[in-house]
Amino acid sequence: SSVLFVSSLFSGVGKTTLIQKVAQALKSSGIPIDGFYTEEVREGGRRTGFDVVTLSGKRGPLSRVSSDSSTSRREYRVGQYVVDLVSFEQLVLPMLRNVSHGSDAEKKICVIDEIGKMELFSQAFIQAVRQTLTGSGTVVLGTIPIPKGKPLDLVEEIRSRKDVKVFNVS
């Protein structure tokens, strides 16, 4: 299988750490790899949001704790976090399109950490992930949550693909 996803029920289990270590090992073996991971942002010991970090070293906000509880209609929220879709798409979409349009000679491993609620507010991201998964020869290494409530469509679609191997970590 050329598509591997790491999954867990809870955050903080170490999915991202595992992905980072694998990516580092592949990179240092000279294997072409690109992608992104999400990282907690902490201030004074408390989590204030998440950043998107690309493997090429670019970083931008994915979400931040919102100070007020009123929701404007253009705001995308997960719990206490407001998602910065513009920042997320600017960082991630060019990289995903680049990975899936490479010729066979320059096929890369693509890291997608993660495909979760925040990321799935972006329709363009959903399309780009689908294209990356169907792109021939692209090896995808990613993380998905085990839904605690309503299943996430794209996550369930990924789980049920025949070319996907999911490792549950606890």
C-alpha atoms as a PDB file:
ATOM      1  CA  SER A   1       0.000   0.000   0.000  1.00  0.00           C
ATOM      2  CA  SER A   2       1.310   3.445  -0.856  1.00  0.00           C
ATOM      3  CA  VAL A   3      -0.954   5.321   1.552  1.00  0.00           C
ATOM      4  CA  LEU A   4      -0.317   5.068   5.296  1.00  0.00           C
ATOM      5  CA  PHE A   5      -2.334   6.877   7.951  1.00  0.00           C
ATOM      6  CA  VAL A   6      -1.765   6.997  11.688  1.00  0.00           C
ATOM      7  CA  SER A   7      -4.919   7.330  13.742  1.00  0.00           C
ATOM      8  CA  SER A   8      -5.842   7.748  17.397  1.00  0.00           C
ATOM      9  CA  LEU A   9      -8.860   8.562  19.512  1.00  0.00           C
ATOM     10  CA  PHE A  10      -7.160  11.214  21.641  1.00  0.00           C
ATOM     11  CA  SER A  11      -4.813  14.084  20.895  1.00  0.00           C
ATOM     12  CA  GLY A  12      -1.446  14.086  22.634  1.00  0.00           C
ATOM     13  CA  VAL A  13      -0.811  10.402  21.875  1.00  0.00           C
ATOM     14  CA  GLY A  14       2.144  11.227  19.632  1.00  0.00           C
ATOM     15  CA  LYS A  15       0.842  10.957  16.054  1.00  0.00           C
ATOM     16  CA  THR A  16       2.630  14.123  14.956  1.00  0.00           C
ATOM     17  CA  THR A  17       5.850  13.167  16.766  1.00  0.00           C
ATOM     18  CA  LEU A  18       5.819   9.806  14.996  1.00  0.00           C
ATOM     19  CA  ILE A  19       5.232  11.451  11.608  1.00  0.00           C
ATOM     20  CA  GLN A  20       8.018  14.003  12.247  1.00  0.00           C
ATOM     21  CA  LYS A  21      10.508  11.253  13.138  1.00  0.00           C
ATOM     22  CA  VAL A  22       9.650   9.217  10.044  1.00  0.00           C
ATOM     23  CA  ALA A  23       9.861  12.337   7.843  1.00  0.00           C
ATOM     24  CA  GLN A  24      13.256  13.204   9.334  1.00  0.00           C
ATOM     25  CA  ALA A  25      14.571   9.679   8.742  1.00  0.00           C
ATOM     26  CA  LEU A  26      13.338   9.668   5.133  1.00  0.00           C
ATOM     27  CA  LYS A  27      14.761  13.134   4.488  1.00  0.00           C
ATOM     28  CA  SER A  28      18.184  12.195   5.815  1.00  0.00           C
ATOM     29  CA  SER A  29      18.166   9.090   3.566  1.00  0.00           C
ATOM     30  CA  GLY A  30      17.834  11.492   0.638  1.00  0.00           C
ATOM     31  CA  ILE A  31      14.245  10.525  -0.193  1.00  0.00           C
ATOM     32  CA  PRO A  32      12.271  13.469  -1.637  1.00  0.00           C
ATOM     33  CA  ILE A  33       9.550  14.375   0.815  1.00  0.00           C
ATOM     34  CA  ASP A  34       7.215  17.319   1.274  1.00  0.00           C
ATOM     35  CA  GLY A  35       4.121  18.066   3.284  1.00  0.00           C
ATOM     36  CA  PHE A  36       2.994  19.662   6.506  1.00  0.00           C
ATOM     37  CA  TYR A  37       2.290  18.956  10.130  1.00  0.00           C
ATOM     38  CA  THR A  38       0.328  20.797  12.781  1.00  0.00           C
ATOM     39  CA  GLU A  39       1.981  22.024  15.947  1.00  0.00           C
ATOM     40  CA  GLU A  40       0.552  23.309  19.220  1.00  0.00           C
ATOM     41  CA  VAL A  41       1.178  26.951  20.038  1.00  0.00           C
ATOM     42  CA  ARG A  42       1.611  27.605  23.769  1.00  0.00           C
ATOM     43  CA  GLU A  43       1.808  30.807  25.724  1.00  0.00           C
ATOM     44  CA  GLY A  44       2.588  30.786  29.415  1.00  0.00           C
ATOM     45  CA  GLY A  45       1.970  27.060  29.638  1.00  0.00           C
ATOM     46  CA  ARG A  46      -1.469  27.067  28.037  1.00  0.00           C
ATOM     47  CA  ARG A  47      -2.388  26.080  24.501  1.00  0.00           C
ATOM     48  CA  THR A  48      -3.495  29.090  22.488  1.00  0.00           C
ATOM     49  CA  GLY A  49      -3.793  27.478  19.084  1.00  0.00           C
ATOM     50  CA  PHE A  50      -2.165  25.481  16.317  1.00  0.00           C
ATOM     51  CA  ASP A  51       0.272  26.350  13.535  1.00  0.00           C
ATOM     52  CA  VAL A  52       0.793  24.671  10.183  1.00  0.00           C
ATOM     53  CA  VAL A  53       4.475  23.912   9.543  1.00  0.00           C
ATOM     54  CA  THR A  54       5.614  22.719   6.116  1.00  0.00           C
ATOM     55  CA  LEU A  55       8.563  20.356   5.734  1.00  0.00           C
ATOM     56  CA  SER A  56      10.289  23.100   3.744  1.00  0.00           C
ATOM     57  CA  GLY A  57      10.188  25.272   6.878  1.00  0.00           C
ATOM     58  CA  LYS A  58       7.292  27.673   6.266  1.00  0.00           C
ATOM     59  CA  ARG A  59       4.941  28.329   9.170  1.00  0.00           C
ATOM     60  CA  GLY A  60       1.585  30.018   9.617  1.00  0.00           C
ATOM     61  CA  PRO A  61      -1.424  29.994  11.941  1.00  0.00           C
ATOM     62  CA  LEU A  62      -4.045  27.268  11.589  1.00  0.00           C
ATOM     63  CA  SER A  63      -6.154  28.366  14.565  1.00  0.00           C
ATOM     64  CA  ARG A  64      -6.137  30.531  17.661  1.00  0.00           C
ATOM     65  CA  VAL A  65      -8.233  30.706  20.815  1.00  0.00           C
ATOM     66  CA  SER A  66     -11.013  33.204  20.292  1.00  0.00           C
ATOM     67  CA  SER A  67     -11.402  35.890  22.926  1.00  0.00           C
ATOM     68  CA  ASP A  68     -15.129  36.396  22.394  1.00  0.00           C
ATOM     69  CA  SER A  69     -17.935  33.878  22.149  1.00  0.00           C
ATOM     70  CA  SER A  70     -19.966  35.644  19.466  1.00  0.00           C
ATOM     71  CA  THR A  71     -19.551  33.964  16.095  1.00  0.00           C
ATOM     72  CA  SER A  72     -19.502  35.954  12.907  1.00  0.00           C
ATOM     73  CA  ARG A  73     -20.895  34.031   9.965  1.00  0.00           C
ATOM     74  CA  ARG A  74     -17.532  34.016   8.202  1.00  0.00           C
ATOM     75  CA  GLU A  75     -15.807  32.439  11.173  1.00  0.00           C
ATOM     76  CA  TYR A  76     -14.882  28.763  11.245  1.00  0.00           C
ATOM     77  CA  ARG A  77     -14.724  27.400  14.766  1.00  0.00           C
ATOM     78  CA  VAL A  78     -13.796  24.173  16.505  1.00  0.00           C
ATOM     79  CA  GLY A  79     -14.556  24.490  20.206  1.00  0.00           C
ATOM     80  CA  GLN A  80     -12.698  27.535  21.506  1.00  0.00           C
ATOM     81  CA  TYR A  81     -10.552  27.855  18.375  1.00  0.00           C
ATOM     82  CA  VAL A  82     -11.118  30.054  15.343  1.00  0.00           C
ATOM     83  CA  VAL A  83      -9.616  28.571  12.180  1.00  0.00           C
ATOM     84  CA  ASP A  84      -7.532  30.786   9.893  1.00  0.00           C
ATOM     85  CA  LEU A  85      -8.513  29.237   6.548  1.00  0.00           C
ATOM     86  CA  VAL A  86      -6.670  31.801   4.434  1.00  0.00           C
ATOM     87  CA  SER A  87      -3.359  31.150   6.177  1.00  0.00           C
ATOM     88  CA  PHE A  88      -3.873  27.371   6.068  1.00  0.00           C
ATOM     89  CA  GLU A  89      -4.742  27.304   2.356  1.00  0.00           C
ATOM     90  CA  GLN A  90      -1.884  29.634   1.382  1.00  0.00           C
ATOM     91  CA  LEU A  91       0.650  27.287   2.971  1.00  0.00           C
ATOM     92  CA  VAL A  92      -0.795  23.884   2.178  1.00  0.00           C
ATOM     93  CA  LEU A  93      -2.495  24.076  -1.229  1.00  0.00           C
ATOM     94  CA  PRO A  94       0.554  25.031  -3.356  1.00  0.00           C
ATOM     95  CA  MET A  95       2.567  22.262  -1.694  1.00  0.00           C
ATOM     96  CA  LEU A  96      -0.142  19.604  -2.295  1.00  0.00           C
ATOM     97  CA  ARG A  97      -0.627  20.658  -5.921  1.00  0.00           C
ATOM     98  CA  ASN A  98       3.120  20.565  -6.435  1.00  0.00           C
ATOM     99  CA  VAL A  99       3.375  17.044  -4.999  1.00  0.00           C
ATOM    100  CA  SER A 100       0.567  15.597  -7.098  1.00  0.00           C
ATOM    101  CA  HIS A 101       1.747  17.187 -10.353  1.00  0.00           C
ATOM    102  CA  GLY A 102       5.333  15.943 -10.199  1.00  0.00           C
ATOM    103  CA  SER A 103       6.466  13.600 -12.957  1.00  0.00           C
ATOM    104  CA  ASP A 104       7.204   9.972 -12.048  1.00  0.00           C
ATOM    105  CA  ALA A 105      10.912  10.798 -11.909  1.00  0.00           C
ATOM    106  CA  GLU A 106      10.318  13.378  -9.172  1.00  0.00           C
ATOM    107  CA  LYS A 107       7.624  11.643  -7.136  1.00  0.00           C
ATOM    108  CA  LYS A 108       7.735  12.703  -3.527  1.00  0.00           C
ATOM    109  CA  ILE A 109       6.447  11.267  -0.322  1.00  0.00           C
ATOM    110  CA  CYS A 110       3.670  13.549   0.876  1.00  0.00           C
ATOM    111  CA  VAL A 111       3.094  14.137   4.604  1.00  0.00           C
ATOM    112  CA  ILE A 112      -0.416  15.276   5.592  1.00  0.00           C
ATOM    113  CA  ASP A 113      -0.750  15.824   9.358  1.00  0.00           C
ATOM    114  CA  GLU A 114      -3.611  16.090   9.870  1.00  0.00           C
ATOM    115  CA  ILE A 115      -6.946  15.601   8.155  1.00  0.00           C
ATOM    116  CA  GLY A 116      -9.189  16.776  10.962  1.00  0.00           C
ATOM    117  CA  LYS A 117     -12.104  19.080  11.693  1.00  0.00           C
ATOM    118  CA  MET A 118     -10.139  22.319  11.345  1.00  0.00           C
ATOM    119  CA  GLU A 119      -8.547  21.381   8.032  1.00  0.00           C
ATOM    120  CA  LEU A 120     -11.813  20.074   6.585  1.00  0.00           C
ATOM    121  CA  PHE A 121     -13.435  23.526   6.620  1.00  0.00           C
ATOM    122  CA  SER A 122     -11.430  24.026   3.423  1.00  0.00           C
ATOM    123  CA  GLN A 123     -13.170  22.629   0.346  1.00  0.00           C
ATOM    124  CA  ALA A 124     -10.023  23.295  -1.688  1.00  0.00           C
ATOM    125  CA  PHE A 125      -8.007  21.199   0.778  1.00  0.00           C
ATOM    126  CA  ILE A 126     -10.502  18.312   0.500  1.00  0.00           C
ATOM    127  CA  GLN A 127     -10.152  18.400  -3.313  1.00  0.00           C
ATOM    128  CA  ALA A 128      -6.348  18.602  -3.131  1.00  0.00           C
ATOM    129  CA  VAL A 129      -6.174  15.623  -0.734  1.00  0.00           C
ATOM    130  CA  ARG A 130      -8.415  13.549  -3.016  1.00  0.00           C
ATOM    131  CA  GLN A 131      -6.202  14.408  -5.983  1.00  0.00           C
ATOM    132  CA  THR A 132      -3.059  13.542  -4.049  1.00  0.00           C
ATOM    133  CA  LEU A 133      -4.513  10.172  -3.018  1.00  0.00           C
ATOM    134  CA  THR A 134      -5.495   9.291  -6.573  1.00  0.00           C
ATOM    135  CA  GLY A 135      -2.224  10.558  -8.076  1.00  0.00           C
ATOM    136  CA  SER A 136      -0.290   7.541  -9.286  1.00  0.00           C
ATOM    137  CA  GLY A 137       2.955   6.862  -7.512  1.00  0.00           C
ATOM    138  CA  THR A 138       2.528   9.428  -4.732  1.00  0.00           C
ATOM    139  CA  VAL A 139       3.225   7.857  -1.360  1.00  0.00           C
ATOM    140  CA  VAL A 140       1.133   9.544   1.335  1.00  0.00           C
ATOM    141  CA  LEU A 141       1.919   9.448   5.031  1.00  0.00           C
ATOM    142  CA  GLY A 142      -0.689  11.152   7.176  1.00  0.00           C
ATOM    143  CA  THR A 143      -2.728  11.308  10.351  1.00  0.00           C
ATOM    144  CA  ILE A 144      -6.475  11.139  10.884  1.00  0.00           C
ATOM    145  CA  PRO A 145      -8.567  11.285  14.056  1.00  0.00           C
ATOM    146  CA  ILE A 146     -10.906   8.549  15.238  1.00  0.00           C
ATOM    147  CA  PRO A 147     -14.142  10.542  15.437  1.00  0.00           C
ATOM    148  CA  LYS A 148     -15.655  10.870  18.900  1.00  0.00           C
ATOM    149  CA  GLY A 149     -18.921  12.164  17.471  1.00  0.00           C
ATOM    150  CA  LYS A 150     -20.216  12.525  13.935  1.00  0.00           C
ATOM    151  CA  PRO A 151     -17.837  10.887  11.423  1.00  0.00           C
ATOM    152  CA  LEU A 152     -15.921  13.220   9.099  1.00  0.00           C
ATOM    153  CA  ASP A 153     -16.743  12.374   5.465  1.00  0.00           C
ATOM    154  CA  LEU A 154     -13.237  12.588   4.016  1.00  0.00           C
ATOM    155  CA  VAL A 155     -11.739  10.683   6.959  1.00  0.00           C
ATOM    156  CA  GLU A 156     -14.228   7.833   6.502  1.00  0.00           C
ATOM    157  CA  GLU A 157     -13.589   7.884   2.750  1.00  0.00           C
ATOM    158  CA  ILE A 158      -9.852   7.495   3.438  1.00  0.00           C
ATOM    159  CA  ARG A 159     -10.412   4.694   5.960  1.00  0.00           C
ATOM    160  CA  SER A 160     -12.441   2.689   3.455  1.00  0.00           C
ATOM    161  CA  ARG A 161      -9.983   2.993   0.537  1.00  0.00           C
ATOM    162  CA  LYS A 162      -8.406  -0.300  -0.493  1.00  0.00           C
ATOM    163  CA  ASP A 163      -4.953   1.259  -0.959  1.00  0.00           C
ATOM    164  CA  VAL A 164      -4.876   2.735   2.559  1.00  0.00           C
ATOM    165  CA  LYS A 165      -3.292   1.144   5.608  1.00  0.00           C
ATOM    166  CA  VAL A 166      -4.343   2.706   8.932  1.00  0.00           C
ATOM    167  CA  PHE A 167      -2.288   2.233  12.107  1.00  0.00           C
ATOM    168  CA  ASN A 168      -4.136   3.030  15.329  1.00  0.00           C
ATOM    169  CA  VAL A 169      -1.836   4.307  18.073  1.00  0.00           C
ATOM    170  CA  SER A 170      -2.655   4.539  21.770  1.00  0.00           C
END
